[in-house]
Amino acid sequence: MMYLAGLFDDSQGYNIQNFLQIVIAESALPDHIPVGGELVSVSKQEIMIQLIKTISVYLATLACVILIIKKML
């Protein structure tokens, strides 16, 4: 079974986003107890929407900076 997981970290005052593909396999250890985390399925469409939103924010910021610099000159 394959999952596409999105990892989000906003703990340091800036947003870090990484996406990775995880293949879940059965444990070879008989008394293995999994700890921590939560695996959430994320569709490729959701990833693309988030990517487009992020790029749009960066482009809008860049456009504003360019306009401000042009007005200052």
PDB file of N, CA and C in Angstrom:
ATOM      1  N   MET A   1       0.847  -1.169   0.000  1.00  0.00           N
ATOM      2  CA  MET A   1       0.000   0.000   0.000  1.00  0.00           C
ATOM      3  C   MET A   1       0.898   1.240   0.000  1.00  0.00           C
ATOM      4  N   MET A   2       0.599   2.220  -0.859  1.00  0.00           N
ATOM      5  CA  MET A   2       1.416   3.417  -0.954  1.00  0.00           C
ATOM      6  C   MET A   2       0.600   4.638  -0.543  1.00  0.00           C
ATOM      7  N   TYR A   3       1.238   5.542   0.172  1.00  0.00           N
ATOM      8  CA  TYR A   3       0.600   6.771   0.623  1.00  0.00           C
ATOM      9  C   TYR A   3       1.428   7.960   0.151  1.00  0.00           C
ATOM     10  N   LEU A   4       0.757   9.051  -0.140  1.00  0.00           N
ATOM     11  CA  LEU A   4       1.435  10.309  -0.429  1.00  0.00           C
ATOM     12  C   LEU A   4       1.182  11.203   0.773  1.00  0.00           C
ATOM     13  N   ALA A   5       2.227  11.545   1.482  1.00  0.00           N
ATOM     14  CA  ALA A   5       2.070  12.292   2.738  1.00  0.00           C
ATOM     15  C   ALA A   5       2.664  13.679   2.605  1.00  0.00           C
ATOM     16  N   GLY A   6       1.970  14.654   3.186  1.00  0.00           N
ATOM     17  CA  GLY A   6       2.484  16.019   3.227  1.00  0.00           C
ATOM     18  C   GLY A   6       2.923  16.348   4.640  1.00  0.00           C
ATOM     19  N   LEU A   7       4.108  16.891   4.779  1.00  0.00           N
ATOM     20  CA  LEU A   7       4.634  17.261   6.085  1.00  0.00           C
ATOM     21  C   LEU A   7       4.704  18.777   6.176  1.00  0.00           C
ATOM     22  N   PHE A   8       4.112  19.347   7.209  1.00  0.00           N
ATOM     23  CA  PHE A   8       4.084  20.793   7.381  1.00  0.00           C
ATOM     24  C   PHE A   8       4.712  21.144   8.723  1.00  0.00           C
ATOM     25  N   ASP A   9       5.624  22.116   8.729  1.00  0.00           N
ATOM     26  CA  ASP A   9       6.251  22.565   9.973  1.00  0.00           C
ATOM     27  C   ASP A   9       6.200  24.084  10.001  1.00  0.00           C
ATOM     28  N   ASP A  10       5.465  24.637  10.952  1.00  0.00           N
ATOM     29  CA  ASP A  10       5.356  26.090  11.080  1.00  0.00           C
ATOM     30  C   ASP A  10       5.846  26.520  12.465  1.00  0.00           C
ATOM     31  N   SER A  11       6.701  25.696  13.083  1.00  0.00           N
ATOM     32  CA  SER A  11       7.082  25.927  14.475  1.00  0.00           C
ATOM     33  C   SER A  11       8.172  26.984  14.652  1.00  0.00           C
ATOM     34  N   GLN A  12       8.918  27.306  13.617  1.00  0.00           N
ATOM     35  CA  GLN A  12      10.026  28.245  13.751  1.00  0.00           C
ATOM     36  C   GLN A  12       9.700  29.626  13.185  1.00  0.00           C
ATOM     37  N   GLY A  13       8.430  29.916  12.933  1.00  0.00           N
ATOM     38  CA  GLY A  13       8.057  31.221  12.430  1.00  0.00           C
ATOM     39  C   GLY A  13       8.069  31.315  10.919  1.00  0.00           C
ATOM     40  N   TYR A  14       8.411  30.240  10.240  1.00  0.00           N
ATOM     41  CA  TYR A  14       8.324  30.190   8.790  1.00  0.00           C
ATOM     42  C   TYR A  14       7.797  28.812   8.397  1.00  0.00           C
ATOM     43  N   ASN A  15       7.234  28.729   7.204  1.00  0.00           N
ATOM     44  CA  ASN A  15       6.550  27.512   6.779  1.00  0.00           C
ATOM     45  C   ASN A  15       7.483  26.648   5.943  1.00  0.00           C
ATOM     46  N   ILE A  16       7.608  25.393   6.300  1.00  0.00           N
ATOM     47  CA  ILE A  16       8.386  24.418   5.531  1.00  0.00           C
ATOM     48  C   ILE A  16       7.405  23.347   5.061  1.00  0.00           C
ATOM     49  N   GLN A  17       7.424  23.051   3.776  1.00  0.00           N
ATOM     50  CA  GLN A  17       6.538  22.019   3.244  1.00  0.00           C
ATOM     51  C   GLN A  17       7.349  21.021   2.439  1.00  0.00           C
ATOM     52  N   ASN A  18       7.221  19.772   2.766  1.00  0.00           N
ATOM     53  CA  ASN A  18       7.873  18.696   2.024  1.00  0.00           C
ATOM     54  C   ASN A  18       6.845  17.633   1.738  1.00  0.00           C
ATOM     55  N   PHE A  19       6.944  17.042   0.579  1.00  0.00           N
ATOM     56  CA  PHE A  19       6.050  15.956   0.220  1.00  0.00           C
ATOM     57  C   PHE A  19       6.890  14.743  -0.143  1.00  0.00           C
ATOM     58  N   LEU A  20       6.531  13.608   0.390  1.00  0.00           N
ATOM     59  CA  LEU A  20       7.271  12.401   0.108  1.00  0.00           C
ATOM     60  C   LEU A  20       6.327  11.228  -0.026  1.00  0.00           C
ATOM     61  N   GLN A  21       6.801  10.213  -0.693  1.00  0.00           N
ATOM     62  CA  GLN A  21       5.995   9.016  -0.896  1.00  0.00           C
ATOM     63  C   GLN A  21       6.502   7.948   0.063  1.00  0.00           C
ATOM     64  N   ILE A  22       5.579   7.321   0.777  1.00  0.00           N
ATOM     65  CA  ILE A  22       5.936   6.330   1.785  1.00  0.00           C
ATOM     66  C   ILE A  22       5.273   5.007   1.428  1.00  0.00           C
ATOM     67  N   VAL A  23       6.045   3.942   1.496  1.00  0.00           N
ATOM     68  CA  VAL A  23       5.497   2.607   1.287  1.00  0.00           C
ATOM     69  C   VAL A  23       5.462   1.924   2.650  1.00  0.00           C
ATOM     70  N   ILE A  24       4.276   1.521   3.072  1.00  0.00           N
ATOM     71  CA  ILE A  24       4.104   0.887   4.378  1.00  0.00           C
ATOM     72  C   ILE A  24       4.300  -0.627   4.231  1.00  0.00           C
ATOM     73  N   ALA A  25       5.179  -1.164   5.049  1.00  0.00           N
ATOM     74  CA  ALA A  25       5.428  -2.608   5.037  1.00  0.00           C
ATOM     75  C   ALA A  25       5.132  -3.163   6.432  1.00  0.00           C
ATOM     76  N   GLU A  26       4.879  -4.450   6.487  1.00  0.00           N
ATOM     77  CA  GLU A  26       4.636  -5.085   7.784  1.00  0.00           C
ATOM     78  C   GLU A  26       5.941  -5.140   8.572  1.00  0.00           C
ATOM     79  N   SER A  27       5.822  -5.024   9.890  1.00  0.00           N
ATOM     80  CA  SER A  27       6.995  -5.064  10.747  1.00  0.00           C
ATOM     81  C   SER A  27       7.548  -6.479  10.832  1.00  0.00           C
ATOM     82  N   ALA A  28       8.884  -6.572  10.793  1.00  0.00           N
ATOM     83  CA  ALA A  28       9.537  -7.877  10.943  1.00  0.00           C
ATOM     84  C   ALA A  28       9.684  -8.242  12.423  1.00  0.00           C
ATOM     85  N   LEU A  29       9.470  -7.262  13.313  1.00  0.00           N
ATOM     86  CA  LEU A  29       9.600  -7.513  14.745  1.00  0.00           C
ATOM     87  C   LEU A  29       8.258  -7.949  15.319  1.00  0.00           C
ATOM     88  N   PRO A  30       8.223  -9.039  16.083  1.00  0.00           N
ATOM     89  CA  PRO A  30       6.946  -9.558  16.587  1.00  0.00           C
ATOM     90  C   PRO A  30       6.253  -8.648  17.599  1.00  0.00           C
ATOM     91  N   ASP A  31       7.001  -7.936  18.448  1.00  0.00           N
ATOM     92  CA  ASP A  31       6.378  -7.090  19.467  1.00  0.00           C
ATOM     93  C   ASP A  31       6.691  -5.615  19.216  1.00  0.00           C
ATOM     94  N   HIS A  32       6.679  -5.218  17.956  1.00  0.00           N
ATOM     95  CA  HIS A  32       6.944  -3.833  17.569  1.00  0.00           C
ATOM     96  C   HIS A  32       5.722  -2.966  17.876  1.00  0.00           C
ATOM     97  N   ILE A  33       5.942  -1.840  18.574  1.00  0.00           N
ATOM     98  CA  ILE A  33       4.869  -0.894  18.892  1.00  0.00           C
ATOM     99  C   ILE A  33       5.190   0.420  18.180  1.00  0.00           C
ATOM    100  N   PRO A  34       4.380   0.821  17.166  1.00  0.00           N
ATOM    101  CA  PRO A  34       4.656   2.084  16.475  1.00  0.00           C
ATOM    102  C   PRO A  34       4.391   3.277  17.394  1.00  0.00           C
ATOM    103  N   VAL A  35       5.223   4.321  17.266  1.00  0.00           N
ATOM    104  CA  VAL A  35       5.064   5.503  18.104  1.00  0.00           C
ATOM    105  C   VAL A  35       5.067   6.777  17.267  1.00  0.00           C
ATOM    106  N   GLY A  36       4.318   7.766  17.727  1.00  0.00           N
ATOM    107  CA  GLY A  36       4.358   9.110  17.177  1.00  0.00           C
ATOM    108  C   GLY A  36       3.839   9.260  15.769  1.00  0.00           C
ATOM    109  N   GLY A  37       3.440  10.482  15.444  1.00  0.00           N
ATOM    110  CA  GLY A  37       3.048  10.849  14.096  1.00  0.00           C
ATOM    111  C   GLY A  37       1.689  10.329  13.672  1.00  0.00           C
ATOM    112  N   GLU A  38       1.262  10.852  12.552  1.00  0.00           N
ATOM    113  CA  GLU A  38      -0.010  10.453  11.971  1.00  0.00           C
ATOM    114  C   GLU A  38       0.154  10.459  10.463  1.00  0.00           C
ATOM    115  N   LEU A  39      -0.250   9.398   9.814  1.00  0.00           N
ATOM    116  CA  LEU A  39      -0.140   9.297   8.365  1.00  0.00           C
ATOM    117  C   LEU A  39      -1.465   9.710   7.751  1.00  0.00           C
ATOM    118  N   VAL A  40      -1.424  10.753   6.924  1.00  0.00           N
ATOM    119  CA  VAL A  40      -2.629  11.281   6.298  1.00  0.00           C
ATOM    120  C   VAL A  40      -2.450  11.216   4.789  1.00  0.00           C
ATOM    121  N   SER A  41      -3.418  10.663   4.117  1.00  0.00           N
ATOM    122  CA  SER A  41      -3.362  10.567   2.669  1.00  0.00           C
ATOM    123  C   SER A  41      -3.649  11.936   2.051  1.00  0.00           C
ATOM    124  N   VAL A  42      -2.806  12.361   1.105  1.00  0.00           N
ATOM    125  CA  VAL A  42      -2.960  13.644   0.427  1.00  0.00           C
ATOM    126  C   VAL A  42      -2.978  13.384  -1.069  1.00  0.00           C
ATOM    127  N   SER A  43      -3.998  13.879  -1.746  1.00  0.00           N
ATOM    128  CA  SER A  43      -4.090  13.652  -3.187  1.00  0.00           C
ATOM    129  C   SER A  43      -3.122  14.561  -3.938  1.00  0.00           C
ATOM    130  N   LYS A  44      -2.770  14.153  -5.152  1.00  0.00           N
ATOM    131  CA  LYS A  44      -1.884  14.973  -5.979  1.00  0.00           C
ATOM    132  C   LYS A  44      -2.529  16.312  -6.294  1.00  0.00           C
ATOM    133  N   GLN A  45      -3.853  16.335  -6.416  1.00  0.00           N
ATOM    134  CA  GLN A  45      -4.566  17.581  -6.693  1.00  0.00           C
ATOM    135  C   GLN A  45      -4.374  18.576  -5.540  1.00  0.00           C
ATOM    136  N   GLU A  46      -4.465  18.092  -4.291  1.00  0.00           N
ATOM    137  CA  GLU A  46      -4.264  18.964  -3.132  1.00  0.00           C
ATOM    138  C   GLU A  46      -2.841  19.511  -3.102  1.00  0.00           C
ATOM    139  N   ILE A  47      -1.870  18.689  -3.469  1.00  0.00           N
ATOM    140  CA  ILE A  47      -0.479  19.126  -3.498  1.00  0.00           C
ATOM    141  C   ILE A  47      -0.297  20.214  -4.554  1.00  0.00           C
ATOM    142  N   MET A  48      -0.883  20.014  -5.741  1.00  0.00           N
ATOM    143  CA  MET A  48      -0.754  20.997  -6.818  1.00  0.00           C
ATOM    144  C   MET A  48      -1.429  22.314  -6.434  1.00  0.00           C
ATOM    145  N   ILE A  49      -2.580  22.251  -5.781  1.00  0.00           N
ATOM    146  CA  ILE A  49      -3.277  23.465  -5.344  1.00  0.00           C
ATOM    147  C   ILE A  49      -2.402  24.235  -4.356  1.00  0.00           C
ATOM    148  N   GLN A  50      -1.810  23.543  -3.395  1.00  0.00           N
ATOM    149  CA  GLN A  50      -0.938  24.190  -2.406  1.00  0.00           C
ATOM    150  C   GLN A  50       0.288  24.788  -3.092  1.00  0.00           C
ATOM    151  N   LEU A  51       0.858  24.078  -4.054  1.00  0.00           N
ATOM    152  CA  LEU A  51       2.025  24.572  -4.779  1.00  0.00           C
ATOM    153  C   LEU A  51       1.678  25.836  -5.569  1.00  0.00           C
ATOM    154  N   ILE A  52       0.537  25.822  -6.252  1.00  0.00           N
ATOM    155  CA  ILE A  52       0.110  26.989  -7.032  1.00  0.00           C
ATOM    156  C   ILE A  52      -0.140  28.190  -6.112  1.00  0.00           C
ATOM    157  N   LYS A  53      -0.766  27.951  -4.958  1.00  0.00           N
ATOM    158  CA  LYS A  53      -1.000  29.040  -4.007  1.00  0.00           C
ATOM    159  C   LYS A  53       0.323  29.625  -3.508  1.00  0.00           C
ATOM    160  N   THR A  54       1.271  28.768  -3.199  1.00  0.00           N
ATOM    161  CA  THR A  54       2.567  29.228  -2.700  1.00  0.00           C
ATOM    162  C   THR A  54       3.297  30.042  -3.760  1.00  0.00           C
ATOM    163  N   ILE A  55       3.317  29.542  -4.989  1.00  0.00           N
ATOM    164  CA  ILE A  55       3.980  30.262  -6.081  1.00  0.00           C
ATOM    165  C   ILE A  55       3.283  31.601  -6.324  1.00  0.00           C
ATOM    166  N   SER A  56       1.958  31.622  -6.252  1.00  0.00           N
ATOM    167  CA  SER A  56       1.206  32.867  -6.452  1.00  0.00           C
ATOM    168  C   SER A  56       1.565  33.915  -5.407  1.00  0.00           C
ATOM    169  N   VAL A  57       1.709  33.492  -4.171  1.00  0.00           N
ATOM    170  CA  VAL A  57       2.087  34.425  -3.100  1.00  0.00           C
ATOM    171  C   VAL A  57       3.480  34.996  -3.363  1.00  0.00           C
ATOM    172  N   TYR A  58       4.420  34.136  -3.752  1.00  0.00           N
ATOM    173  CA  TYR A  58       5.773  34.616  -4.044  1.00  0.00           C
ATOM    174  C   TYR A  58       5.779  35.577  -5.228  1.00  0.00           C
ATOM    175  N   LEU A  59       5.012  35.263  -6.278  1.00  0.00           N
ATOM    176  CA  LEU A  59       4.958  36.139  -7.446  1.00  0.00           C
ATOM    177  C   LEU A  59       4.315  37.485  -7.108  1.00  0.00           C
ATOM    178  N   ALA A  60       3.251  37.466  -6.305  1.00  0.00           N
ATOM    179  CA  ALA A  60       2.601  38.718  -5.904  1.00  0.00           C
ATOM    180  C   ALA A  60       3.549  39.571  -5.067  1.00  0.00           C
ATOM    181  N   THR A  61       4.285  38.934  -4.171  1.00  0.00           N
ATOM    182  CA  THR A  61       5.261  39.656  -3.347  1.00  0.00           C
ATOM    183  C   THR A  61       6.351  40.263  -4.225  1.00  0.00           C
ATOM    184  N   LEU A  62       6.846  39.491  -5.168  1.00  0.00           N
ATOM    185  CA  LEU A  62       7.875  39.986  -6.083  1.00  0.00           C
ATOM    186  C   LEU A  62       7.356  41.161  -6.902  1.00  0.00           C
ATOM    187  N   ALA A  63       6.115  41.073  -7.392  1.00  0.00           N
ATOM    188  CA  ALA A  63       5.526  42.164  -8.175  1.00  0.00           C
ATOM    189  C   ALA A  63       5.410  43.433  -7.334  1.00  0.00           C
ATOM    190  N   CYS A  64       4.997  43.293  -6.078  1.00  0.00           N
ATOM    191  CA  CYS A  64       4.893  44.454  -5.182  1.00  0.00           C
ATOM    192  C   CYS A  64       6.261  45.088  -4.949  1.00  0.00           C
ATOM    193  N   VAL A  65       7.270  44.273  -4.728  1.00  0.00           N
ATOM    194  CA  VAL A  65       8.623  44.787  -4.503  1.00  0.00           C
ATOM    195  C   VAL A  65       9.104  45.531  -5.747  1.00  0.00           C
ATOM    196  N   ILE A  66       8.875  44.974  -6.919  1.00  0.00           N
ATOM    197  CA  ILE A  66       9.283  45.626  -8.172  1.00  0.00           C
ATOM    198  C   ILE A  66       8.570  46.967  -8.336  1.00  0.00           C
ATOM    199  N   LEU A  67       7.267  47.011  -8.054  1.00  0.00           N
ATOM    200  CA  LEU A  67       6.514  48.268  -8.172  1.00  0.00           C
ATOM    201  C   LEU A  67       7.027  49.324  -7.191  1.00  0.00           C
ATOM    202  N   ILE A  68       7.322  48.912  -5.982  1.00  0.00           N
ATOM    203  CA  ILE A  68       7.837  49.844  -4.974  1.00  0.00           C
ATOM    204  C   ILE A  68       9.194  50.395  -5.408  1.00  0.00           C
ATOM    205  N   ILE A  69      10.055  49.537  -5.916  1.00  0.00           N
ATOM    206  CA  ILE A  69      11.375  49.981  -6.360  1.00  0.00           C
ATOM    207  C   ILE A  69      11.241  50.946  -7.534  1.00  0.00           C
ATOM    208  N   LYS A  70      10.321  50.649  -8.472  1.00  0.00           N
ATOM    209  CA  LYS A  70      10.116  51.537  -9.621  1.00  0.00           C
ATOM    210  C   LYS A  70       9.643  52.915  -9.161  1.00  0.00           C
ATOM    211  N   LYS A  71       8.761  52.967  -8.174  1.00  0.00           N
ATOM    212  CA  LYS A  71       8.247  54.251  -7.677  1.00  0.00           C
ATOM    213  C   LYS A  71       9.331  55.040  -6.953  1.00  0.00           C
ATOM    214  N   MET A  72      10.270  54.337  -6.338  1.00  0.00           N
ATOM    215  CA  MET A  72      11.353  55.001  -5.616  1.00  0.00           C
ATOM    216  C   MET A  72      12.387  55.600  -6.566  1.00  0.00           C
ATOM    217  N   LEU A  73      12.495  55.074  -7.757  1.00  0.00           N
ATOM    218  CA  LEU A  73      13.518  55.573  -8.706  1.00  0.00           C
ATOM    219  C   LEU A  73      13.108  56.800  -9.420  1.00  0.00           C
TER     220      LEU A  73
END
